[in-house]
PDB file of N, CA and C in Angstrom:
ATOM      1  N   MET A   1       6.425  -4.557 -13.335  1.00  0.00           N
ATOM      2  CA  MET A   1       5.974  -3.488 -12.495  1.00  0.00           C
ATOM      3  C   MET A   1       4.449  -3.495 -12.402  1.00  0.00           C
ATOM      4  N   ALA A   2       3.789  -3.777 -13.505  1.00  0.00           N
ATOM      5  CA  ALA A   2       2.327  -3.840 -13.490  1.00  0.00           C
ATOM      6  C   ALA A   2       1.857  -4.937 -12.546  1.00  0.00           C
ATOM      7  N   GLY A   3       2.530  -6.068 -12.571  1.00  0.00           N
ATOM      8  CA  GLY A   3       2.171  -7.169 -11.684  1.00  0.00           C
ATOM      9  C   GLY A   3       2.376  -6.808 -10.229  1.00  0.00           C
ATOM     10  N   SER A   4       3.451  -6.101  -9.929  1.00  0.00           N
ATOM     11  CA  SER A   4       3.701  -5.676  -8.551  1.00  0.00           C
ATOM     12  C   SER A   4       2.631  -4.709  -8.076  1.00  0.00           C
ATOM     13  N   LEU A   5       2.284  -3.727  -8.911  1.00  0.00           N
ATOM     14  CA  LEU A   5       1.247  -2.770  -8.537  1.00  0.00           C
ATOM     15  C   LEU A   5      -0.092  -3.470  -8.347  1.00  0.00           C
ATOM     16  N   ASN A   6      -0.423  -4.349  -9.272  1.00  0.00           N
ATOM     17  CA  ASN A   6      -1.680  -5.085  -9.164  1.00  0.00           C
ATOM     18  C   ASN A   6      -1.713  -5.902  -7.870  1.00  0.00           C
ATOM     19  N   GLY A   7      -0.614  -6.557  -7.539  1.00  0.00           N
ATOM     20  CA  GLY A   7      -0.540  -7.340  -6.312  1.00  0.00           C
ATOM     21  C   GLY A   7      -0.673  -6.481  -5.068  1.00  0.00           C
ATOM     22  N   MET A   8      -0.033  -5.324  -5.080  1.00  0.00           N
ATOM     23  CA  MET A   8      -0.138  -4.411  -3.946  1.00  0.00           C
ATOM     24  C   MET A   8      -1.580  -3.965  -3.746  1.00  0.00           C
ATOM     25  N   LEU A   9      -2.248  -3.656  -4.833  1.00  0.00           N
ATOM     26  CA  LEU A   9      -3.638  -3.189  -4.746  1.00  0.00           C
ATOM     27  C   LEU A   9      -4.567  -4.313  -4.293  1.00  0.00           C
ATOM     28  N   LYS A  10      -4.378  -5.493  -4.863  1.00  0.00           N
ATOM     29  CA  LYS A  10      -5.216  -6.641  -4.476  1.00  0.00           C
ATOM     30  C   LYS A  10      -5.049  -6.967  -2.993  1.00  0.00           C
ATOM     31  N   ALA A  11      -3.818  -6.869  -2.477  1.00  0.00           N
ATOM     32  CA  ALA A  11      -3.556  -7.151  -1.066  1.00  0.00           C
ATOM     33  C   ALA A  11      -4.279  -6.169  -0.156  1.00  0.00           C
ATOM     34  N   ARG A  12      -4.634  -5.016  -0.704  1.00  0.00           N
ATOM     35  CA  ARG A  12      -5.342  -3.991   0.063  1.00  0.00           C
ATOM     36  C   ARG A  12      -6.825  -3.936  -0.302  1.00  0.00           C
ATOM     37  N   ASP A  13      -7.302  -5.015  -0.934  1.00  0.00           N
ATOM     38  CA  ASP A  13      -8.720  -5.152  -1.318  1.00  0.00           C
ATOM     39  C   ASP A  13      -9.199  -4.052  -2.248  1.00  0.00           C
ATOM     40  N   VAL A  14      -8.318  -3.624  -3.150  1.00  0.00           N
ATOM     41  CA  VAL A  14      -8.688  -2.633  -4.155  1.00  0.00           C
ATOM     42  C   VAL A  14      -9.049  -3.359  -5.443  1.00  0.00           C
ATOM     43  N   ASP A  15     -10.229  -3.084  -5.958  1.00  0.00           N
ATOM     44  CA  ASP A  15     -10.637  -3.643  -7.242  1.00  0.00           C
ATOM     45  C   ASP A  15     -10.046  -2.801  -8.364  1.00  0.00           C
ATOM     46  N   VAL A  16      -9.199  -3.418  -9.178  1.00  0.00           N
ATOM     47  CA  VAL A  16      -8.596  -2.731 -10.320  1.00  0.00           C
ATOM     48  C   VAL A  16      -9.542  -2.899 -11.502  1.00  0.00           C
ATOM     49  N   LYS A  17     -10.097  -1.776 -11.962  1.00  0.00           N
ATOM     50  CA  LYS A  17     -11.030  -1.825 -13.089  1.00  0.00           C
ATOM     51  C   LYS A  17     -10.290  -2.052 -14.400  1.00  0.00           C
ATOM     52  N   ASP A  18      -9.102  -1.461 -14.525  1.00  0.00           N
ATOM     53  CA  ASP A  18      -8.324  -1.613 -15.755  1.00  0.00           C
ATOM     54  C   ASP A  18      -6.871  -1.289 -15.438  1.00  0.00           C
ATOM     55  N   LEU A  19      -5.971  -1.995 -16.082  1.00  0.00           N
ATOM     56  CA  LEU A  19      -4.540  -1.770 -15.919  1.00  0.00           C
ATOM     57  C   LEU A  19      -3.871  -2.037 -17.251  1.00  0.00           C
ATOM     58  N   LYS A  20      -3.291  -0.995 -17.822  1.00  0.00           N
ATOM     59  CA  LYS A  20      -2.599  -1.102 -19.106  1.00  0.00           C
ATOM     60  C   LYS A  20      -1.191  -0.559 -18.933  1.00  0.00           C
ATOM     61  N   GLY A  21      -0.275  -1.131 -19.667  1.00  0.00           N
ATOM     62  CA  GLY A  21       1.100  -0.674 -19.567  1.00  0.00           C
ATOM     63  C   GLY A  21       1.829  -0.725 -20.885  1.00  0.00           C
ATOM     64  N   SER A  22       2.882   0.057 -20.950  1.00  0.00           N
ATOM     65  CA  SER A  22       3.774   0.037 -22.107  1.00  0.00           C
ATOM     66  C   SER A  22       5.183   0.376 -21.616  1.00  0.00           C
ATOM     67  N   VAL A  23       6.158  -0.033 -22.403  1.00  0.00           N
ATOM     68  CA  VAL A  23       7.550   0.239 -22.081  1.00  0.00           C
ATOM     69  C   VAL A  23       8.218   0.822 -23.318  1.00  0.00           C
ATOM     70  N   SER A  24       8.978   1.878 -23.121  1.00  0.00           N
ATOM     71  CA  SER A  24       9.801   2.410 -24.211  1.00  0.00           C
ATOM     72  C   SER A  24      11.256   2.327 -23.761  1.00  0.00           C
ATOM     73  N   VAL A  25      12.128   2.140 -24.718  1.00  0.00           N
ATOM     74  CA  VAL A  25      13.546   1.996 -24.400  1.00  0.00           C
ATOM     75  C   VAL A  25      14.367   3.044 -25.120  1.00  0.00           C
ATOM     76  N   GLN A  26      15.471   3.414 -24.479  1.00  0.00           N
ATOM     77  CA  GLN A  26      16.444   4.311 -25.097  1.00  0.00           C
ATOM     78  C   GLN A  26      17.648   3.457 -25.453  1.00  0.00           C
ATOM     79  N   MET A  27      18.008   3.470 -26.699  1.00  0.00           N
ATOM     80  CA  MET A  27      19.111   2.651 -27.181  1.00  0.00           C
ATOM     81  C   MET A  27      20.409   3.446 -27.177  1.00  0.00           C
ATOM     82  N   GLY A  28      21.520   2.724 -27.067  1.00  0.00           N
ATOM     83  CA  GLY A  28      22.841   3.330 -27.115  1.00  0.00           C
ATOM     84  C   GLY A  28      23.838   2.318 -27.648  1.00  0.00           C
ATOM     85  N   LYS A  29      25.109   2.602 -27.460  1.00  0.00           N
ATOM     86  CA  LYS A  29      26.188   1.722 -27.913  1.00  0.00           C
ATOM     87  C   LYS A  29      27.114   1.425 -26.753  1.00  0.00           C
ATOM     88  N   ASP A  30      27.630   0.193 -26.705  1.00  0.00           N
ATOM     89  CA  ASP A  30      28.608  -0.147 -25.679  1.00  0.00           C
ATOM     90  C   ASP A  30      30.018   0.166 -26.183  1.00  0.00           C
ATOM     91  N   GLU A  31      31.024  -0.258 -25.399  1.00  0.00           N
ATOM     92  CA  GLU A  31      32.417   0.046 -25.746  1.00  0.00           C
ATOM     93  C   GLU A  31      32.881  -0.620 -27.035  1.00  0.00           C
ATOM     94  N   LYS A  32      32.176  -1.645 -27.495  1.00  0.00           N
ATOM     95  CA  LYS A  32      32.495  -2.304 -28.763  1.00  0.00           C
ATOM     96  C   LYS A  32      31.564  -1.854 -29.884  1.00  0.00           C
ATOM     97  N   ASN A  33      30.840  -0.767 -29.649  1.00  0.00           N
ATOM     98  CA  ASN A  33      29.923  -0.180 -30.622  1.00  0.00           C
ATOM     99  C   ASN A  33      28.742  -1.090 -30.956  1.00  0.00           C
ATOM    100  N   ARG A  34      28.365  -1.954 -30.009  1.00  0.00           N
ATOM    101  CA  ARG A  34      27.198  -2.809 -30.177  1.00  0.00           C
ATOM    102  C   ARG A  34      25.994  -2.118 -29.563  1.00  0.00           C
ATOM    103  N   SER A  35      24.829  -2.356 -30.139  1.00  0.00           N
ATOM    104  CA  SER A  35      23.611  -1.756 -29.602  1.00  0.00           C
ATOM    105  C   SER A  35      23.278  -2.322 -28.227  1.00  0.00           C
ATOM    106  N   ILE A  36      22.874  -1.440 -27.322  1.00  0.00           N
ATOM    107  CA  ILE A  36      22.450  -1.836 -25.986  1.00  0.00           C
ATOM    108  C   ILE A  36      21.235  -0.995 -25.573  1.00  0.00           C
ATOM    109  N   VAL A  37      20.497  -1.493 -24.602  1.00  0.00           N
ATOM    110  CA  VAL A  37      19.425  -0.712 -24.001  1.00  0.00           C
ATOM    111  C   VAL A  37      20.053   0.099 -22.874  1.00  0.00           C
ATOM    112  N   GLU A  38      19.962   1.419 -22.955  1.00  0.00           N
ATOM    113  CA  GLU A  38      20.539   2.291 -21.933  1.00  0.00           C
ATOM    114  C   GLU A  38      19.534   2.671 -20.858  1.00  0.00           C
ATOM    115  N   ALA A  39      18.266   2.774 -21.242  1.00  0.00           N
ATOM    116  CA  ALA A  39      17.252   3.198 -20.284  1.00  0.00           C
ATOM    117  C   ALA A  39      15.890   2.668 -20.723  1.00  0.00           C
ATOM    118  N   MET A  40      15.021   2.515 -19.735  1.00  0.00           N
ATOM    119  CA  MET A  40      13.654   2.087 -20.020  1.00  0.00           C
ATOM    120  C   MET A  40      12.697   3.017 -19.276  1.00  0.00           C
ATOM    121  N   THR A  41      11.572   3.290 -19.890  1.00  0.00           N
ATOM    122  CA  THR A  41      10.501   4.039 -19.247  1.00  0.00           C
ATOM    123  C   THR A  41       9.262   3.173 -19.262  1.00  0.00           C
ATOM    124  N   VAL A  42       8.717   2.924 -18.082  1.00  0.00           N
ATOM    125  CA  VAL A  42       7.507   2.118 -17.941  1.00  0.00           C
ATOM    126  C   VAL A  42       6.341   3.072 -17.712  1.00  0.00           C
ATOM    127  N   ASN A  43       5.299   2.928 -18.504  1.00  0.00           N
ATOM    128  CA  ASN A  43       4.087   3.736 -18.368  1.00  0.00           C
ATOM    129  C   ASN A  43       2.935   2.815 -17.994  1.00  0.00           C
ATOM    130  N   LEU A  44       2.274   3.122 -16.880  1.00  0.00           N
ATOM    131  CA  LEU A  44       1.124   2.346 -16.438  1.00  0.00           C
ATOM    132  C   LEU A  44      -0.089   3.260 -16.335  1.00  0.00           C
ATOM    133  N   ASP A  45      -1.214   2.808 -16.817  1.00  0.00           N
ATOM    134  CA  ASP A  45      -2.495   3.496 -16.664  1.00  0.00           C
ATOM    135  C   ASP A  45      -3.383   2.590 -15.829  1.00  0.00           C
ATOM    136  N   VAL A  46      -3.779   3.076 -14.662  1.00  0.00           N
ATOM    137  CA  VAL A  46      -4.546   2.273 -13.719  1.00  0.00           C
ATOM    138  C   VAL A  46      -5.884   2.957 -13.464  1.00  0.00           C
ATOM    139  N   ASP A  47      -6.945   2.171 -13.519  1.00  0.00           N
ATOM    140  CA  ASP A  47      -8.278   2.684 -13.232  1.00  0.00           C
ATOM    141  C   ASP A  47      -8.826   1.956 -12.017  1.00  0.00           C
ATOM    142  N   VAL A  48      -9.105   2.716 -10.955  1.00  0.00           N
ATOM    143  CA  VAL A  48      -9.710   2.174  -9.747  1.00  0.00           C
ATOM    144  C   VAL A  48     -10.927   3.029  -9.399  1.00  0.00           C
ATOM    145  N   PHE A  49     -11.770   2.498  -8.556  1.00  0.00           N
ATOM    146  CA  PHE A  49     -12.925   3.259  -8.111  1.00  0.00           C
ATOM    147  C   PHE A  49     -12.461   4.431  -7.247  1.00  0.00           C
ATOM    148  N   GLU A  50     -13.235   5.492  -7.265  1.00  0.00           N
ATOM    149  CA  GLU A  50     -12.878   6.737  -6.575  1.00  0.00           C
ATOM    150  C   GLU A  50     -12.500   6.509  -5.109  1.00  0.00           C
ATOM    151  N   GLU A  51     -13.186   5.600  -4.436  1.00  0.00           N
ATOM    152  CA  GLU A  51     -12.900   5.371  -3.016  1.00  0.00           C
ATOM    153  C   GLU A  51     -11.541   4.713  -2.773  1.00  0.00           C
ATOM    154  N   HIS A  52     -10.888   4.248  -3.840  1.00  0.00           N
ATOM    155  CA  HIS A  52      -9.588   3.602  -3.702  1.00  0.00           C
ATOM    156  C   HIS A  52      -8.416   4.444  -4.225  1.00  0.00           C
ATOM    157  N   VAL A  53      -8.689   5.677  -4.623  1.00  0.00           N
ATOM    158  CA  VAL A  53      -7.634   6.518  -5.199  1.00  0.00           C
ATOM    159  C   VAL A  53      -6.517   6.774  -4.189  1.00  0.00           C
ATOM    160  N   ALA A  54      -6.851   7.023  -2.941  1.00  0.00           N
ATOM    161  CA  ALA A  54      -5.813   7.289  -1.928  1.00  0.00           C
ATOM    162  C   ALA A  54      -4.904   6.075  -1.745  1.00  0.00           C
ATOM    163  N   VAL A  55      -5.479   4.878  -1.780  1.00  0.00           N
ATOM    164  CA  VAL A  55      -4.671   3.654  -1.654  1.00  0.00           C
ATOM    165  C   VAL A  55      -3.770   3.505  -2.870  1.00  0.00           C
ATOM    166  N   LEU A  56      -4.309   3.767  -4.056  1.00  0.00           N
ATOM    167  CA  LEU A  56      -3.505   3.717  -5.283  1.00  0.00           C
ATOM    168  C   LEU A  56      -2.321   4.666  -5.185  1.00  0.00           C
ATOM    169  N   GLU A  57      -2.585   5.898  -4.760  1.00  0.00           N
ATOM    170  CA  GLU A  57      -1.504   6.883  -4.664  1.00  0.00           C
ATOM    171  C   GLU A  57      -0.436   6.448  -3.665  1.00  0.00           C
ATOM    172  N   ARG A  58      -0.844   5.838  -2.561  1.00  0.00           N
ATOM    173  CA  ARG A  58       0.111   5.349  -1.571  1.00  0.00           C
ATOM    174  C   ARG A  58       0.942   4.207  -2.158  1.00  0.00           C
ATOM    175  N   CYS A  59       0.297   3.309  -2.882  1.00  0.00           N
ATOM    176  CA  CYS A  59       1.018   2.197  -3.506  1.00  0.00           C
ATOM    177  C   CYS A  59       2.019   2.694  -4.537  1.00  0.00           C
ATOM    178  N   ILE A  60       1.655   3.716  -5.283  1.00  0.00           N
ATOM    179  CA  ILE A  60       2.559   4.268  -6.298  1.00  0.00           C
ATOM    180  C   ILE A  60       3.843   4.778  -5.647  1.00  0.00           C
ATOM    181  N   THR A  61       3.735   5.385  -4.469  1.00  0.00           N
ATOM    182  CA  THR A  61       4.939   5.904  -3.802  1.00  0.00           C
ATOM    183  C   THR A  61       5.883   4.785  -3.381  1.00  0.00           C
ATOM    184  N   TYR A  62       5.354   3.593  -3.101  1.00  0.00           N
ATOM    185  CA  TYR A  62       6.176   2.457  -2.702  1.00  0.00           C
ATOM    186  C   TYR A  62       6.659   1.618  -3.881  1.00  0.00           C
ATOM    187  N   LEU A  63       6.093   1.819  -5.039  1.00  0.00           N
ATOM    188  CA  LEU A  63       6.338   0.915  -6.165  1.00  0.00           C
ATOM    189  C   LEU A  63       7.785   0.922  -6.638  1.00  0.00           C
ATOM    190  N   ASP A  64       8.413   2.072  -6.703  1.00  0.00           N
ATOM    191  CA  ASP A  64       9.778   2.135  -7.226  1.00  0.00           C
ATOM    192  C   ASP A  64      10.726   1.297  -6.386  1.00  0.00           C
ATOM    193  N   ASP A  65      10.502   1.237  -5.103  1.00  0.00           N
ATOM    194  CA  ASP A  65      11.343   0.436  -4.216  1.00  0.00           C
ATOM    195  C   ASP A  65      10.817  -0.986  -4.060  1.00  0.00           C
ATOM    196  N   GLY A  66       9.520  -1.176  -4.345  1.00  0.00           N
ATOM    197  CA  GLY A  66       8.903  -2.464  -4.072  1.00  0.00           C
ATOM    198  C   GLY A  66       8.850  -3.430  -5.234  1.00  0.00           C
ATOM    199  N   CYS A  67       9.108  -2.969  -6.434  1.00  0.00           N
ATOM    200  CA  CYS A  67       9.010  -3.833  -7.612  1.00  0.00           C
ATOM    201  C   CYS A  67      10.308  -4.616  -7.777  1.00  0.00           C
ATOM    202  N   LEU A  68      10.209  -5.941  -7.743  1.00  0.00           N
ATOM    203  CA  LEU A  68      11.414  -6.766  -7.821  1.00  0.00           C
ATOM    204  C   LEU A  68      12.142  -6.625  -9.149  1.00  0.00           C
ATOM    205  N   VAL A  69      11.433  -6.394 -10.230  1.00  0.00           N
ATOM    206  CA  VAL A  69      12.097  -6.212 -11.521  1.00  0.00           C
ATOM    207  C   VAL A  69      12.848  -4.886 -11.548  1.00  0.00           C
ATOM    208  N   THR A  70      12.216  -3.818 -11.071  1.00  0.00           N
ATOM    209  CA  THR A  70      12.871  -2.512 -11.045  1.00  0.00           C
ATOM    210  C   THR A  70      14.131  -2.552 -10.188  1.00  0.00           C
ATOM    211  N   ARG A  71      14.046  -3.154  -9.001  1.00  0.00           N
ATOM    212  CA  ARG A  71      15.228  -3.249  -8.137  1.00  0.00           C
ATOM    213  C   ARG A  71      16.338  -4.031  -8.827  1.00  0.00           C
ATOM    214  N   GLY A  72      15.964  -5.127  -9.480  1.00  0.00           N
ATOM    215  CA  GLY A  72      16.967  -5.937 -10.163  1.00  0.00           C
ATOM    216  C   GLY A  72      17.648  -5.182 -11.290  1.00  0.00           C
ATOM    217  N   LEU A  73      16.872  -4.454 -12.073  1.00  0.00           N
ATOM    218  CA  LEU A  73      17.454  -3.697 -13.180  1.00  0.00           C
ATOM    219  C   LEU A  73      18.368  -2.587 -12.673  1.00  0.00           C
ATOM    220  N   LYS A  74      17.955  -1.908 -11.627  1.00  0.00           N
ATOM    221  CA  LYS A  74      18.780  -0.826 -11.082  1.00  0.00           C
ATOM    222  C   LYS A  74      20.087  -1.356 -10.499  1.00  0.00           C
ATOM    223  N   ASN A  75      20.056  -2.583  -9.985  1.00  0.00           N
ATOM    224  CA  ASN A  75      21.261  -3.175  -9.401  1.00  0.00           C
ATOM    225  C   ASN A  75      22.059  -3.994 -10.397  1.00  0.00           C
ATOM    226  N   GLY A  76      21.555  -4.167 -11.593  1.00  0.00           N
ATOM    227  CA  GLY A  76      22.241  -4.952 -12.608  1.00  0.00           C
ATOM    228  C   GLY A  76      21.939  -6.429 -12.463  1.00  0.00           C
ATOM    229  N   ILE A  77      21.055  -6.925 -13.265  1.00  0.00           N
ATOM    230  CA  ILE A  77      20.654  -8.328 -13.221  1.00  0.00           C
ATOM    231  C   ILE A  77      21.688  -9.172 -13.948  1.00  0.00           C
ATOM    232  N   LYS A  78      22.091 -10.278 -13.327  1.00  0.00           N
ATOM    233  CA  LYS A  78      22.945 -11.245 -14.006  1.00  0.00           C
ATOM    234  C   LYS A  78      22.065 -11.979 -15.018  1.00  0.00           C
ATOM    235  N   VAL A  79      22.512 -12.068 -16.236  1.00  0.00           N
ATOM    236  CA  VAL A  79      21.741 -12.714 -17.294  1.00  0.00           C
ATOM    237  C   VAL A  79      22.426 -14.005 -17.702  1.00  0.00           C
ATOM    238  N   THR A  80      21.661 -15.076 -17.751  1.00  0.00           N
ATOM    239  CA  THR A  80      22.146 -16.354 -18.250  1.00  0.00           C
ATOM    240  C   THR A  80      21.270 -16.752 -19.426  1.00  0.00           C
ATOM    241  N   ASN A  81      21.881 -17.048 -20.555  1.00  0.00           N
ATOM    242  CA  ASN A  81      21.133 -17.481 -21.733  1.00  0.00           C
ATOM    243  C   ASN A  81      21.188 -19.001 -21.852  1.00  0.00           C
ATOM    244  N   ASN A  82      20.049 -19.619 -21.926  1.00  0.00           N
ATOM    245  CA  ASN A  82      19.934 -21.054 -22.191  1.00  0.00           C
ATOM    246  C   ASN A  82      19.191 -21.210 -23.505  1.00  0.00           C
ATOM    247  N   ILE A  83      19.927 -21.488 -24.545  1.00  0.00           N
ATOM    248  CA  ILE A  83      19.348 -21.585 -25.881  1.00  0.00           C
ATOM    249  C   ILE A  83      19.600 -22.980 -26.405  1.00  0.00           C
ATOM    250  N   GLN A  84      18.538 -23.625 -26.848  1.00  0.00           N
ATOM    251  CA  GLN A  84      18.666 -24.975 -27.404  1.00  0.00           C
ATOM    252  C   GLN A  84      17.684 -25.132 -28.532  1.00  0.00           C
ATOM    253  N   ARG A  85      17.990 -26.055 -29.400  1.00  0.00           N
ATOM    254  CA  ARG A  85      17.116 -26.376 -30.518  1.00  0.00           C
ATOM    255  C   ARG A  85      15.964 -27.228 -30.009  1.00  0.00           C
ATOM    256  N   SER A  86      14.749 -26.841 -30.312  1.00  0.00           N
ATOM    257  CA  SER A  86      13.614 -27.616 -29.870  1.00  0.00           C
ATOM    258  C   SER A  86      13.220 -28.641 -30.937  1.00  0.00           C
ATOM    259  N   GLY A  87      12.492 -29.663 -30.522  1.00  0.00           N
ATOM    260  CA  GLY A  87      12.008 -30.662 -31.451  1.00  0.00           C
ATOM    261  C   GLY A  87      13.034 -31.698 -31.846  1.00  0.00           C
ATOM    262  N   VAL A  88      14.116 -31.795 -31.112  1.00  0.00           N
ATOM    263  CA  VAL A  88      15.159 -32.763 -31.450  1.00  0.00           C
ATOM    264  C   VAL A  88      15.074 -33.943 -30.503  1.00  0.00           C
TER     265      VAL A  88
END
């Protein structure tokens, strides 16, 4: 999501002074009582120059629909695991 926001701002010639993010997860159990991630909260702190605040606010309104990771998670991403021993 941070990458999507940064890209949206850069495309509009907005200089991002600082961009920090964190993610917290809510854990739960599935039908077999295994731990799963039930929800995620993404927190972004963005610093732009005052003259770009309106553009930032406009980008934020589009971000939930425009972020490819967010859309994928909401629609259920197919996961494929490719695990192999390295150094062999």
